[in-house]
Amino acid sequence: MGIGSLWHWLIVLAIVLILFGRGRISEMMGDFGKGISSFKKGLNETEETAAKAARIEPPAAPVETAAPAPAEKTDSTGA
């Protein structure tokens, strides 16, 4: 009669039902289900924001302009 026997679990279940009652257990399971739903919703929202961040386009590359023409050199002799 170890911890995994059928009789052990039936006795534990009976004690839990006596202590909490059927209504309280169903309420706890409902709250547990709502918690799981909220957790999944939070995960989906996180994935959506990550997808939005990945969709943001990088800024446009700067437009290159032609370099100004080099100025003509003049002789210092004046000729």
Foldseek 3Di string as FASTA:
>chain_A
DDCPDPVNVVVVVVVVCVVQNPVRVVVVVVVVVVVVVVVVVVVVVVVVVVVVVVPDDDDDDDDDDDDDDDDDDDDPVND
